[in-house]
Amino acid sequence: MVQRRGSIIVAGALSLLLGACSTTPANPSATNGGGGGGGGGSQTAGASGAPTSSTGTGGGGGSGGGGQGVVADPCTLLTQAQVAGVVGVAVGAGDSSQDSHACAFTYHDPTDELGLVSATVTDNVRASEVTKDCQAPSGNGMTITSVSGVGDVACFVDAGILGTNITFATGGQGYEVSVLALGTNMKGQFPNATAQAMEKALALDVVAKV
């Protein structure tokens, strides 16, 4: 349900905050636009300047393998280069050690112990739950906005200061992608509108993969 989505956003923020407190900063240099990693992760900016998928415009009912359900490793849904190319900073390799169904690609700000940017893809959402959530009215501090062109059904769940994510279904399986920034330096560079454009671009990459 939509209330669950808000809980996921809060839990993700807390998890990232705790991780930032205990992890030695990695990938100390941010890059503008291209991100670290090279081939496969490049992107082009649309007319509005928003990032676009590195694998095409996507949309429809899912391409590639046709939606085979929950994958063995969520970190195979996106590449490090794809994520870096979309979020514009040199994220590390995907990490699913905190949750076997969620893979996080994270950049740590070397000038701020609590500063980071993390893109997370989650692969075990029920398609029926995505449909229900995307048809729900906004409320309880969350704004639900339908998104066209991403799989069979998709929407943004915007929880204000707690962040945002895109939830979508393709080939009978549901997924979530979130881009979250923490810290004095990074938070201001990723307002929810910017994060949503990045989330959609990464969601299109997931749709193309599955």
N, C-alpha and C. Protein backbone atom coordinates (compact mmCIF):
# COMPACT_ATOMS: atom_id res chain seq x y z
N MET A 1 0.83 -1.19 0.00
CA MET A 1 0.00 0.00 0.00
C MET A 1 0.87 1.25 0.00
N VAL A 2 0.25 2.39 -0.26
CA VAL A 2 1.01 3.63 -0.32
C VAL A 2 1.71 3.91 1.00
N GLN A 3 1.06 3.60 2.11
CA GLN A 3 1.69 3.84 3.41
C GLN A 3 2.98 3.06 3.52
N ARG A 4 3.02 1.85 2.94
CA ARG A 4 4.22 1.04 2.94
C ARG A 4 5.34 1.73 2.19
N ARG A 5 5.00 2.39 1.08
CA ARG A 5 6.01 3.10 0.31
C ARG A 5 6.69 4.17 1.16
N GLY A 6 5.92 4.89 1.95
CA GLY A 6 6.50 5.90 2.82
C GLY A 6 7.44 5.28 3.82
N SER A 7 7.07 4.11 4.34
CA SER A 7 7.92 3.42 5.31
C SER A 7 9.23 2.99 4.66
N ILE A 8 9.16 2.54 3.39
CA ILE A 8 10.36 2.14 2.67
C ILE A 8 11.30 3.31 2.49
N ILE A 9 10.76 4.47 2.13
CA ILE A 9 11.60 5.66 1.96
C ILE A 9 12.29 6.02 3.26
N VAL A 10 11.54 6.02 4.37
CA VAL A 10 12.11 6.36 5.68
C VAL A 10 13.17 5.35 6.06
N ALA A 11 12.86 4.05 5.89
CA ALA A 11 13.82 3.01 6.26
C ALA A 11 15.08 3.12 5.43
N GLY A 12 14.93 3.44 4.14
CA GLY A 12 16.09 3.58 3.29
C GLY A 12 16.96 4.74 3.72
N ALA A 13 16.35 5.85 4.08
CA ALA A 13 17.11 7.01 4.53
C ALA A 13 17.87 6.70 5.81
N LEU A 14 17.22 6.02 6.75
CA LEU A 14 17.88 5.67 8.00
C LEU A 14 19.02 4.70 7.76
N SER A 15 18.81 3.71 6.88
CA SER A 15 19.85 2.74 6.58
C SER A 15 21.07 3.41 5.97
N LEU A 16 20.84 4.34 5.03
CA LEU A 16 21.94 5.04 4.41
C LEU A 16 22.67 5.93 5.39
N LEU A 17 21.91 6.56 6.29
CA LEU A 17 22.52 7.43 7.29
C LEU A 17 23.42 6.63 8.22
N LEU A 18 22.94 5.48 8.67
CA LEU A 18 23.74 4.63 9.55
C LEU A 18 24.96 4.11 8.82
N GLY A 19 24.79 3.77 7.53
CA GLY A 19 25.91 3.29 6.76
C GLY A 19 26.97 4.35 6.57
N ALA A 20 26.54 5.58 6.38
CA ALA A 20 27.49 6.68 6.21
C ALA A 20 28.30 6.91 7.46
N CYS A 21 27.68 6.66 8.61
CA CYS A 21 28.38 6.87 9.88
C CYS A 21 29.47 5.83 10.11
N SER A 22 29.32 4.64 9.51
CA SER A 22 30.23 3.55 9.82
C SER A 22 31.13 3.15 8.67
N THR A 23 30.97 3.79 7.50
CA THR A 23 31.71 3.40 6.32
C THR A 23 32.76 4.43 5.96
N THR A 24 33.96 3.94 5.63
CA THR A 24 35.00 4.84 5.16
C THR A 24 34.63 5.34 3.78
N PRO A 25 34.67 6.65 3.55
CA PRO A 25 34.26 7.18 2.25
C PRO A 25 35.01 6.52 1.10
N ALA A 26 34.27 6.19 0.05
CA ALA A 26 34.87 5.59 -1.14
C ALA A 26 34.59 6.48 -2.33
N ASN A 27 35.26 6.17 -3.45
CA ASN A 27 35.06 6.94 -4.67
C ASN A 27 35.10 8.43 -4.38
N PRO A 28 36.22 8.96 -3.92
CA PRO A 28 36.27 10.33 -3.43
C PRO A 28 36.01 11.42 -4.45
N SER A 29 36.09 11.14 -5.73
CA SER A 29 35.93 12.23 -6.69
C SER A 29 34.61 12.13 -7.42
N ALA A 30 33.81 13.19 -7.33
CA ALA A 30 32.56 13.22 -8.08
C ALA A 30 32.85 13.66 -9.50
N THR A 31 32.01 13.24 -10.41
CA THR A 31 32.15 13.69 -11.79
C THR A 31 30.87 14.37 -12.20
N ASN A 32 30.96 15.26 -13.14
CA ASN A 32 29.79 15.98 -13.60
C ASN A 32 29.28 15.36 -14.89
N GLY A 33 28.01 14.92 -14.87
CA GLY A 33 27.36 14.44 -16.09
C GLY A 33 27.68 13.00 -16.40
N GLY A 34 28.95 12.64 -16.67
CA GLY A 34 29.26 11.31 -17.15
C GLY A 34 29.28 10.26 -16.08
N GLY A 35 29.76 10.58 -14.89
CA GLY A 35 29.87 9.59 -13.83
C GLY A 35 31.02 8.65 -14.15
N GLY A 36 31.47 7.90 -13.12
CA GLY A 36 32.58 6.98 -13.31
C GLY A 36 32.12 5.72 -13.99
N GLY A 37 32.95 5.14 -14.83
CA GLY A 37 32.63 3.83 -15.32
C GLY A 37 32.70 3.67 -16.83
N GLY A 38 32.46 4.69 -17.59
CA GLY A 38 32.60 4.56 -19.03
C GLY A 38 31.48 3.78 -19.68
N GLY A 39 31.83 2.98 -20.71
CA GLY A 39 30.88 2.36 -21.62
C GLY A 39 29.63 1.80 -20.99
N GLY A 40 28.52 1.96 -21.68
CA GLY A 40 27.24 1.42 -21.21
C GLY A 40 26.52 2.35 -20.27
N GLY A 41 27.21 3.30 -19.68
CA GLY A 41 26.55 4.16 -18.72
C GLY A 41 26.31 5.57 -19.23
N SER A 42 26.56 5.80 -20.50
CA SER A 42 26.39 7.14 -21.01
C SER A 42 24.92 7.49 -21.11
N GLN A 43 24.63 8.77 -21.14
CA GLN A 43 23.25 9.21 -21.24
C GLN A 43 23.18 10.43 -22.13
N THR A 44 21.99 10.76 -22.57
CA THR A 44 21.77 12.00 -23.29
C THR A 44 20.71 12.78 -22.57
N ALA A 45 20.80 14.09 -22.63
CA ALA A 45 19.81 14.93 -21.97
C ALA A 45 18.68 15.22 -22.93
N GLY A 46 17.45 15.14 -22.41
CA GLY A 46 16.29 15.46 -23.22
C GLY A 46 16.15 16.96 -23.37
N ALA A 47 15.07 17.38 -23.99
CA ALA A 47 14.85 18.80 -24.22
C ALA A 47 14.76 19.56 -22.92
N SER A 48 14.28 18.89 -21.87
CA SER A 48 14.16 19.56 -20.58
C SER A 48 15.42 19.49 -19.76
N GLY A 49 16.45 18.79 -20.29
CA GLY A 49 17.70 18.65 -19.56
C GLY A 49 17.67 17.47 -18.61
N ALA A 50 16.57 16.73 -18.54
CA ALA A 50 16.47 15.59 -17.63
C ALA A 50 17.23 14.42 -18.21
N PRO A 51 17.83 13.58 -17.36
CA PRO A 51 18.57 12.43 -17.85
C PRO A 51 17.64 11.43 -18.51
N THR A 52 18.14 10.72 -19.50
CA THR A 52 17.36 9.68 -20.14
C THR A 52 18.07 8.35 -19.98
N SER A 53 17.33 7.27 -20.18
CA SER A 53 17.88 5.94 -20.04
C SER A 53 19.08 5.74 -20.94
N SER A 54 20.08 5.00 -20.45
CA SER A 54 21.26 4.73 -21.25
C SER A 54 21.01 3.64 -22.27
N THR A 55 19.84 2.98 -22.19
CA THR A 55 19.55 1.89 -23.12
C THR A 55 18.38 2.20 -24.03
N GLY A 56 17.93 3.45 -24.08
CA GLY A 56 16.85 3.80 -24.98
C GLY A 56 15.68 4.40 -24.24
N THR A 57 14.58 4.59 -24.95
CA THR A 57 13.43 5.26 -24.35
C THR A 57 12.55 4.31 -23.58
N GLY A 58 12.67 3.01 -23.80
CA GLY A 58 11.91 2.04 -23.01
C GLY A 58 10.43 2.16 -23.23
N GLY A 59 9.68 1.75 -22.18
CA GLY A 59 8.23 1.87 -22.24
C GLY A 59 7.59 0.56 -22.62
N GLY A 60 6.28 0.58 -22.69
CA GLY A 60 5.53 -0.61 -23.09
C GLY A 60 5.52 -1.64 -21.98
N GLY A 61 5.35 -2.88 -22.36
CA GLY A 61 5.17 -3.95 -21.39
C GLY A 61 6.44 -4.67 -21.03
N GLY A 62 7.59 -4.06 -21.26
CA GLY A 62 8.84 -4.70 -20.87
C GLY A 62 9.48 -5.38 -22.06
N SER A 63 10.76 -5.09 -22.28
CA SER A 63 11.48 -5.72 -23.35
C SER A 63 12.46 -6.71 -22.78
N GLY A 64 13.46 -7.09 -23.57
CA GLY A 64 14.46 -8.02 -23.07
C GLY A 64 13.84 -9.37 -22.79
N GLY A 65 14.06 -9.89 -21.56
CA GLY A 65 13.65 -11.24 -21.22
C GLY A 65 12.18 -11.40 -20.98
N GLY A 66 11.41 -10.34 -21.00
CA GLY A 66 9.96 -10.46 -20.89
C GLY A 66 9.47 -10.58 -19.48
N GLY A 67 10.28 -10.24 -18.49
CA GLY A 67 9.81 -10.25 -17.11
C GLY A 67 9.78 -11.65 -16.53
N GLN A 68 10.89 -12.09 -16.00
CA GLN A 68 11.00 -13.44 -15.48
C GLN A 68 10.79 -13.52 -13.97
N GLY A 69 10.28 -12.46 -13.36
CA GLY A 69 10.04 -12.48 -11.92
C GLY A 69 11.24 -11.99 -11.14
N VAL A 70 11.27 -12.26 -9.84
CA VAL A 70 12.35 -11.82 -8.97
C VAL A 70 13.66 -12.44 -9.43
N VAL A 71 14.68 -11.61 -9.58
CA VAL A 71 15.97 -12.09 -10.06
C VAL A 71 16.80 -12.64 -8.90
N ALA A 72 17.82 -13.43 -9.23
CA ALA A 72 18.66 -14.01 -8.20
C ALA A 72 19.48 -12.95 -7.48
N ASP A 73 19.87 -11.92 -8.21
CA ASP A 73 20.70 -10.85 -7.65
C ASP A 73 20.21 -9.52 -8.20
N PRO A 74 19.63 -8.64 -7.36
CA PRO A 74 19.11 -7.37 -7.87
C PRO A 74 20.20 -6.48 -8.45
N CYS A 75 21.45 -6.75 -8.10
CA CYS A 75 22.55 -5.93 -8.61
C CYS A 75 22.81 -6.19 -10.09
N THR A 76 22.15 -7.20 -10.67
CA THR A 76 22.28 -7.44 -12.11
C THR A 76 21.30 -6.61 -12.92
N LEU A 77 20.37 -5.91 -12.25
CA LEU A 77 19.37 -5.13 -12.96
C LEU A 77 19.92 -3.82 -13.51
N LEU A 78 20.96 -3.29 -12.88
CA LEU A 78 21.62 -2.07 -13.32
C LEU A 78 23.12 -2.27 -13.23
N THR A 79 23.87 -1.55 -14.04
CA THR A 79 25.32 -1.60 -13.93
C THR A 79 25.83 -0.36 -13.20
N GLN A 80 27.01 -0.47 -12.66
CA GLN A 80 27.63 0.67 -11.99
C GLN A 80 27.77 1.84 -12.95
N ALA A 81 28.13 1.55 -14.19
CA ALA A 81 28.30 2.61 -15.20
C ALA A 81 26.97 3.27 -15.53
N GLN A 82 25.90 2.48 -15.63
CA GLN A 82 24.58 3.06 -15.91
C GLN A 82 24.17 4.03 -14.81
N VAL A 83 24.33 3.60 -13.56
CA VAL A 83 23.93 4.45 -12.44
C VAL A 83 24.77 5.71 -12.38
N ALA A 84 26.09 5.57 -12.52
CA ALA A 84 26.97 6.74 -12.49
C ALA A 84 26.62 7.71 -13.60
N GLY A 85 26.30 7.18 -14.78
CA GLY A 85 25.98 8.05 -15.90
C GLY A 85 24.71 8.84 -15.68
N VAL A 86 23.76 8.28 -14.95
CA VAL A 86 22.49 8.97 -14.70
C VAL A 86 22.59 9.95 -13.53
N VAL A 87 23.19 9.52 -12.41
CA VAL A 87 23.21 10.40 -11.23
C VAL A 87 24.35 11.40 -11.26
N GLY A 88 25.36 11.16 -12.12
CA GLY A 88 26.41 12.15 -12.31
C GLY A 88 27.50 12.16 -11.27
N VAL A 89 27.59 11.13 -10.44
CA VAL A 89 28.70 11.00 -9.50
C VAL A 89 29.22 9.57 -9.57
N ALA A 90 30.45 9.36 -9.14
CA ALA A 90 31.13 8.07 -9.29
C ALA A 90 30.70 7.10 -8.19
N VAL A 91 29.57 6.46 -8.39
CA VAL A 91 29.07 5.50 -7.41
C VAL A 91 29.94 4.25 -7.37
N GLY A 92 29.87 3.54 -6.26
CA GLY A 92 30.57 2.28 -6.13
C GLY A 92 29.79 1.15 -6.76
N ALA A 93 30.34 -0.05 -6.69
CA ALA A 93 29.65 -1.23 -7.22
C ALA A 93 28.38 -1.48 -6.42
N GLY A 94 27.41 -2.15 -7.03
CA GLY A 94 26.16 -2.44 -6.36
C GLY A 94 26.37 -3.31 -5.13
N ASP A 95 25.58 -3.06 -4.09
CA ASP A 95 25.71 -3.79 -2.83
C ASP A 95 24.32 -4.21 -2.36
N SER A 96 24.12 -5.51 -2.20
CA SER A 96 22.84 -6.02 -1.71
C SER A 96 23.00 -6.72 -0.36
N SER A 97 24.08 -6.40 0.36
CA SER A 97 24.36 -7.08 1.63
C SER A 97 23.34 -6.74 2.72
N GLN A 98 22.69 -5.57 2.63
CA GLN A 98 21.71 -5.19 3.63
C GLN A 98 20.34 -5.81 3.37
N ASP A 99 20.07 -6.16 2.12
CA ASP A 99 18.78 -6.72 1.72
C ASP A 99 18.99 -7.46 0.41
N SER A 100 18.73 -8.76 0.40
CA SER A 100 18.99 -9.57 -0.79
C SER A 100 18.11 -9.18 -1.98
N HIS A 101 17.07 -8.37 -1.74
CA HIS A 101 16.19 -7.95 -2.82
C HIS A 101 16.36 -6.47 -3.17
N ALA A 102 17.37 -5.83 -2.62
CA ALA A 102 17.61 -4.41 -2.90
C ALA A 102 19.10 -4.17 -3.11
N CYS A 103 19.44 -3.53 -4.21
CA CYS A 103 20.84 -3.26 -4.52
C CYS A 103 21.08 -1.76 -4.53
N ALA A 104 22.06 -1.31 -3.76
CA ALA A 104 22.37 0.12 -3.66
C ALA A 104 23.73 0.43 -4.29
N PHE A 105 23.75 1.47 -5.10
CA PHE A 105 24.98 1.99 -5.70
C PHE A 105 25.22 3.35 -5.05
N THR A 106 26.32 3.49 -4.32
CA THR A 106 26.48 4.65 -3.44
C THR A 106 27.76 5.43 -3.70
N TYR A 107 27.62 6.73 -3.64
CA TYR A 107 28.77 7.65 -3.66
C TYR A 107 28.87 8.29 -2.29
N HIS A 108 30.06 8.31 -1.69
CA HIS A 108 30.28 8.95 -0.39
C HIS A 108 31.03 10.27 -0.57
N ASP A 109 30.51 11.31 0.00
CA ASP A 109 31.12 12.64 -0.07
C ASP A 109 32.33 12.67 0.86
N PRO A 110 33.54 12.84 0.33
CA PRO A 110 34.75 12.82 1.17
C PRO A 110 34.86 14.01 2.11
N THR A 111 34.06 15.07 1.88
CA THR A 111 34.15 16.26 2.72
C THR A 111 33.07 16.29 3.81
N ASP A 112 32.20 15.27 3.82
CA ASP A 112 31.09 15.25 4.77
C ASP A 112 30.85 13.80 5.20
N GLU A 113 31.08 13.52 6.46
CA GLU A 113 30.96 12.15 6.96
C GLU A 113 29.58 11.55 6.70
N LEU A 114 28.55 12.40 6.73
CA LEU A 114 27.18 11.93 6.52
C LEU A 114 26.67 12.17 5.10
N GLY A 115 27.56 12.64 4.22
CA GLY A 115 27.14 12.98 2.87
C GLY A 115 27.26 11.82 1.91
N LEU A 116 26.20 11.56 1.18
CA LEU A 116 26.23 10.49 0.18
C LEU A 116 25.09 10.66 -0.82
N VAL A 117 25.22 9.93 -1.92
CA VAL A 117 24.15 9.79 -2.91
C VAL A 117 24.01 8.30 -3.16
N SER A 118 22.79 7.79 -3.11
CA SER A 118 22.59 6.36 -3.31
C SER A 118 21.41 6.12 -4.24
N ALA A 119 21.62 5.25 -5.23
CA ALA A 119 20.55 4.79 -6.11
C ALA A 119 20.27 3.34 -5.77
N THR A 120 19.03 3.02 -5.45
CA THR A 120 18.67 1.67 -5.03
C THR A 120 17.58 1.09 -5.91
N VAL A 121 17.74 -0.16 -6.33
CA VAL A 121 16.72 -0.87 -7.09
C VAL A 121 16.25 -2.06 -6.26
N THR A 122 14.94 -2.21 -6.12
CA THR A 122 14.33 -3.29 -5.36
C THR A 122 13.51 -4.15 -6.30
N ASP A 123 13.64 -5.50 -6.16
CA ASP A 123 13.06 -6.37 -7.18
C ASP A 123 11.90 -7.26 -6.73
N ASN A 124 11.45 -7.14 -5.48
CA ASN A 124 10.45 -8.10 -5.00
C ASN A 124 9.11 -7.45 -4.65
N VAL A 125 8.70 -6.48 -5.44
CA VAL A 125 7.42 -5.81 -5.23
C VAL A 125 6.35 -6.52 -6.06
N ARG A 126 5.18 -6.77 -5.50
CA ARG A 126 4.11 -7.40 -6.27
C ARG A 126 3.56 -6.43 -7.32
N ALA A 127 3.35 -6.94 -8.52
CA ALA A 127 2.81 -6.10 -9.59
C ALA A 127 1.43 -5.56 -9.20
N SER A 128 0.63 -6.39 -8.52
CA SER A 128 -0.71 -5.94 -8.11
C SER A 128 -0.63 -4.81 -7.10
N GLU A 129 0.41 -4.80 -6.29
CA GLU A 129 0.59 -3.74 -5.30
C GLU A 129 0.99 -2.43 -5.98
N VAL A 130 1.81 -2.55 -7.03
CA VAL A 130 2.18 -1.36 -7.80
C VAL A 130 0.94 -0.72 -8.40
N THR A 131 0.11 -1.53 -9.02
CA THR A 131 -1.12 -1.01 -9.63
C THR A 131 -2.00 -0.33 -8.59
N LYS A 132 -2.17 -0.97 -7.44
CA LYS A 132 -3.00 -0.41 -6.37
C LYS A 132 -2.44 0.92 -5.88
N ASP A 133 -1.14 0.96 -5.66
CA ASP A 133 -0.51 2.18 -5.16
C ASP A 133 -0.61 3.32 -6.16
N CYS A 134 -0.40 2.99 -7.44
CA CYS A 134 -0.40 4.04 -8.46
C CYS A 134 -1.80 4.58 -8.73
N GLN A 135 -2.82 3.83 -8.35
CA GLN A 135 -4.20 4.29 -8.50
C GLN A 135 -4.72 4.99 -7.25
N ALA A 136 -3.94 4.95 -6.18
CA ALA A 136 -4.36 5.55 -4.91
C ALA A 136 -4.24 7.08 -4.98
N PRO A 137 -5.09 7.78 -4.23
CA PRO A 137 -4.98 9.24 -4.19
C PRO A 137 -3.81 9.67 -3.32
N SER A 138 -3.31 10.86 -3.56
CA SER A 138 -2.25 11.39 -2.71
C SER A 138 -2.80 11.63 -1.31
N GLY A 139 -1.92 11.56 -0.31
CA GLY A 139 -2.34 11.78 1.06
C GLY A 139 -1.30 11.26 2.02
N ASN A 140 -1.52 11.52 3.32
CA ASN A 140 -0.59 11.08 4.36
C ASN A 140 0.83 11.57 4.10
N GLY A 141 0.94 12.79 3.57
CA GLY A 141 2.25 13.36 3.33
C GLY A 141 2.93 12.90 2.07
N MET A 142 2.22 12.13 1.24
CA MET A 142 2.82 11.61 0.01
C MET A 142 2.01 12.05 -1.21
N THR A 143 2.72 12.37 -2.27
CA THR A 143 2.09 12.75 -3.53
C THR A 143 2.34 11.65 -4.55
N ILE A 144 1.26 11.11 -5.11
CA ILE A 144 1.35 10.04 -6.09
C ILE A 144 1.15 10.64 -7.48
N THR A 145 2.11 10.41 -8.37
CA THR A 145 2.03 10.96 -9.72
C THR A 145 2.25 9.85 -10.73
N SER A 146 1.30 9.65 -11.63
CA SER A 146 1.41 8.62 -12.65
C SER A 146 2.56 8.94 -13.60
N VAL A 147 3.26 7.90 -14.03
CA VAL A 147 4.38 8.05 -14.96
C VAL A 147 4.10 7.21 -16.20
N SER A 148 4.15 7.83 -17.36
CA SER A 148 3.91 7.10 -18.60
C SER A 148 5.21 6.60 -19.20
N GLY A 149 5.10 5.52 -19.99
CA GLY A 149 6.26 5.04 -20.75
C GLY A 149 7.21 4.15 -19.99
N VAL A 150 6.88 3.76 -18.77
CA VAL A 150 7.76 2.87 -17.99
C VAL A 150 6.99 1.59 -17.68
N GLY A 151 7.29 0.51 -18.40
CA GLY A 151 6.63 -0.75 -18.16
C GLY A 151 5.14 -0.69 -18.37
N ASP A 152 4.40 -1.52 -17.61
CA ASP A 152 2.95 -1.60 -17.74
C ASP A 152 2.24 -0.52 -16.94
N VAL A 153 2.77 -0.19 -15.78
CA VAL A 153 2.21 0.85 -14.92
C VAL A 153 3.33 1.37 -14.05
N ALA A 154 3.33 2.68 -13.79
CA ALA A 154 4.40 3.27 -12.98
C ALA A 154 3.91 4.57 -12.36
N CYS A 155 4.50 4.91 -11.22
CA CYS A 155 4.19 6.19 -10.59
C CYS A 155 5.31 6.60 -9.66
N PHE A 156 5.41 7.90 -9.44
CA PHE A 156 6.32 8.44 -8.44
C PHE A 156 5.58 8.50 -7.11
N VAL A 157 6.28 8.17 -6.04
CA VAL A 157 5.77 8.37 -4.69
C VAL A 157 6.70 9.39 -4.02
N ASP A 158 6.20 10.59 -3.84
CA ASP A 158 6.99 11.70 -3.32
C ASP A 158 6.60 11.93 -1.87
N ALA A 159 7.55 11.68 -0.96
CA ALA A 159 7.30 11.83 0.47
C ALA A 159 7.92 13.11 1.01
N GLY A 160 8.05 14.12 0.19
CA GLY A 160 8.57 15.42 0.63
C GLY A 160 10.02 15.34 1.07
N ILE A 161 10.32 15.82 2.25
CA ILE A 161 11.70 15.86 2.73
C ILE A 161 12.29 14.48 2.94
N LEU A 162 11.45 13.46 2.98
CA LEU A 162 11.93 12.09 3.17
C LEU A 162 12.40 11.46 1.87
N GLY A 163 12.12 12.12 0.75
CA GLY A 163 12.61 11.60 -0.52
C GLY A 163 11.51 11.07 -1.42
N THR A 164 11.91 10.39 -2.47
CA THR A 164 10.99 9.96 -3.51
C THR A 164 11.44 8.63 -4.07
N ASN A 165 10.54 7.94 -4.77
CA ASN A 165 10.93 6.77 -5.54
C ASN A 165 9.96 6.59 -6.70
N ILE A 166 10.33 5.75 -7.64
CA ILE A 166 9.42 5.34 -8.70
C ILE A 166 9.13 3.87 -8.50
N THR A 167 7.88 3.52 -8.52
CA THR A 167 7.46 2.12 -8.40
C THR A 167 6.79 1.74 -9.71
N PHE A 168 7.13 0.58 -10.24
CA PHE A 168 6.63 0.23 -11.57
C PHE A 168 6.53 -1.29 -11.71
N ALA A 169 5.70 -1.71 -12.67
CA ALA A 169 5.52 -3.13 -12.95
C ALA A 169 5.73 -3.38 -14.42
N THR A 170 6.37 -4.49 -14.72
CA THR A 170 6.58 -4.89 -16.11
C THR A 170 6.67 -6.41 -16.15
N GLY A 171 6.02 -7.01 -17.13
CA GLY A 171 6.07 -8.46 -17.27
C GLY A 171 5.56 -9.22 -16.06
N GLY A 172 4.61 -8.63 -15.32
CA GLY A 172 4.03 -9.31 -14.18
C GLY A 172 4.83 -9.21 -12.90
N GLN A 173 5.87 -8.38 -12.86
CA GLN A 173 6.69 -8.22 -11.66
C GLN A 173 6.84 -6.74 -11.33
N GLY A 174 6.86 -6.41 -10.03
CA GLY A 174 7.00 -5.03 -9.60
C GLY A 174 8.41 -4.71 -9.15
N TYR A 175 8.79 -3.45 -9.28
CA TYR A 175 10.12 -2.98 -8.91
C TYR A 175 10.01 -1.57 -8.33
N GLU A 176 11.06 -1.14 -7.63
CA GLU A 176 11.18 0.23 -7.17
C GLU A 176 12.60 0.72 -7.44
N VAL A 177 12.72 1.98 -7.78
CA VAL A 177 14.02 2.63 -7.91
C VAL A 177 13.96 3.94 -7.14
N SER A 178 14.96 4.21 -6.33
CA SER A 178 15.03 5.47 -5.59
C SER A 178 16.41 6.08 -5.72
N VAL A 179 16.46 7.40 -5.77
CA VAL A 179 17.72 8.15 -5.73
C VAL A 179 17.63 9.07 -4.52
N LEU A 180 18.53 8.89 -3.59
CA LEU A 180 18.48 9.62 -2.32
C LEU A 180 19.83 10.27 -2.03
N ALA A 181 19.81 11.52 -1.60
CA ALA A 181 21.04 12.23 -1.23
C ALA A 181 20.93 12.70 0.21
N LEU A 182 22.04 12.61 0.92
CA LEU A 182 22.12 13.06 2.31
C LEU A 182 23.35 13.95 2.47
N GLY A 183 23.32 14.79 3.48
CA GLY A 183 24.47 15.62 3.79
C GLY A 183 24.34 17.04 3.28
N THR A 184 25.09 17.93 3.89
CA THR A 184 25.03 19.36 3.57
C THR A 184 25.36 19.65 2.12
N ASN A 185 26.38 19.00 1.59
CA ASN A 185 26.82 19.30 0.23
C ASN A 185 25.92 18.65 -0.83
N MET A 186 25.49 17.42 -0.59
CA MET A 186 24.83 16.65 -1.62
C MET A 186 23.32 16.84 -1.66
N LYS A 187 22.68 16.99 -0.52
CA LYS A 187 21.22 17.04 -0.46
C LYS A 187 20.63 18.13 -1.38
N GLY A 188 21.22 19.31 -1.35
CA GLY A 188 20.70 20.41 -2.14
C GLY A 188 20.84 20.20 -3.64
N GLN A 189 21.73 19.32 -4.05
CA GLN A 189 21.93 19.07 -5.48
C GLN A 189 20.93 18.07 -6.05
N PHE A 190 20.16 17.43 -5.16
CA PHE A 190 19.23 16.40 -5.61
C PHE A 190 17.84 16.64 -5.04
N PRO A 191 17.21 17.77 -5.41
CA PRO A 191 15.81 17.96 -5.01
C PRO A 191 14.96 16.85 -5.60
N ASN A 192 13.76 16.66 -5.06
CA ASN A 192 12.94 15.53 -5.49
C ASN A 192 12.67 15.51 -6.99
N ALA A 193 12.47 16.68 -7.59
CA ALA A 193 12.20 16.72 -9.04
C ALA A 193 13.39 16.18 -9.82
N THR A 194 14.60 16.53 -9.40
CA THR A 194 15.81 16.03 -10.06
C THR A 194 15.95 14.54 -9.83
N ALA A 195 15.73 14.10 -8.58
CA ALA A 195 15.81 12.68 -8.26
C ALA A 195 14.81 11.86 -9.07
N GLN A 196 13.61 12.40 -9.28
CA GLN A 196 12.59 11.67 -10.03
C GLN A 196 13.00 11.47 -11.49
N ALA A 197 13.59 12.49 -12.09
CA ALA A 197 14.06 12.34 -13.47
C ALA A 197 15.11 11.24 -13.56
N MET A 198 15.98 11.18 -12.57
CA MET A 198 17.00 10.14 -12.54
C MET A 198 16.37 8.77 -12.29
N GLU A 199 15.41 8.72 -11.39
CA GLU A 199 14.72 7.46 -11.09
C GLU A 199 14.03 6.90 -12.33
N LYS A 200 13.39 7.76 -13.11
CA LYS A 200 12.72 7.30 -14.33
C LYS A 200 13.73 6.75 -15.33
N ALA A 201 14.85 7.45 -15.48
CA ALA A 201 15.88 6.99 -16.42
C ALA A 201 16.40 5.61 -16.01
N LEU A 202 16.62 5.40 -14.71
CA LEU A 202 17.12 4.10 -14.24
C LEU A 202 16.03 3.04 -14.34
N ALA A 203 14.78 3.42 -14.10
CA ALA A 203 13.68 2.47 -14.24
C ALA A 203 13.59 1.97 -15.68
N LEU A 204 13.80 2.85 -16.65
CA LEU A 204 13.79 2.45 -18.05
C LEU A 204 14.91 1.45 -18.34
N ASP A 205 16.05 1.63 -17.70
CA ASP A 205 17.15 0.67 -17.86
C ASP A 205 16.77 -0.70 -17.30
N VAL A 206 16.06 -0.70 -16.16
CA VAL A 206 15.60 -1.95 -15.56
C VAL A 206 14.61 -2.64 -16.49
N VAL A 207 13.64 -1.87 -17.01
CA VAL A 207 12.65 -2.44 -17.93
C VAL A 207 13.33 -3.08 -19.14
N ALA A 208 14.33 -2.42 -19.67
CA ALA A 208 15.06 -2.95 -20.82
C ALA A 208 15.81 -4.23 -20.46
N LYS A 209 16.26 -4.32 -19.22
CA LYS A 209 17.04 -5.48 -18.77
C LYS A 209 16.16 -6.70 -18.57
N VAL A 210 14.97 -6.52 -18.00
CA VAL A 210 14.14 -7.67 -17.67
C VAL A 210 13.23 -8.08 -18.81
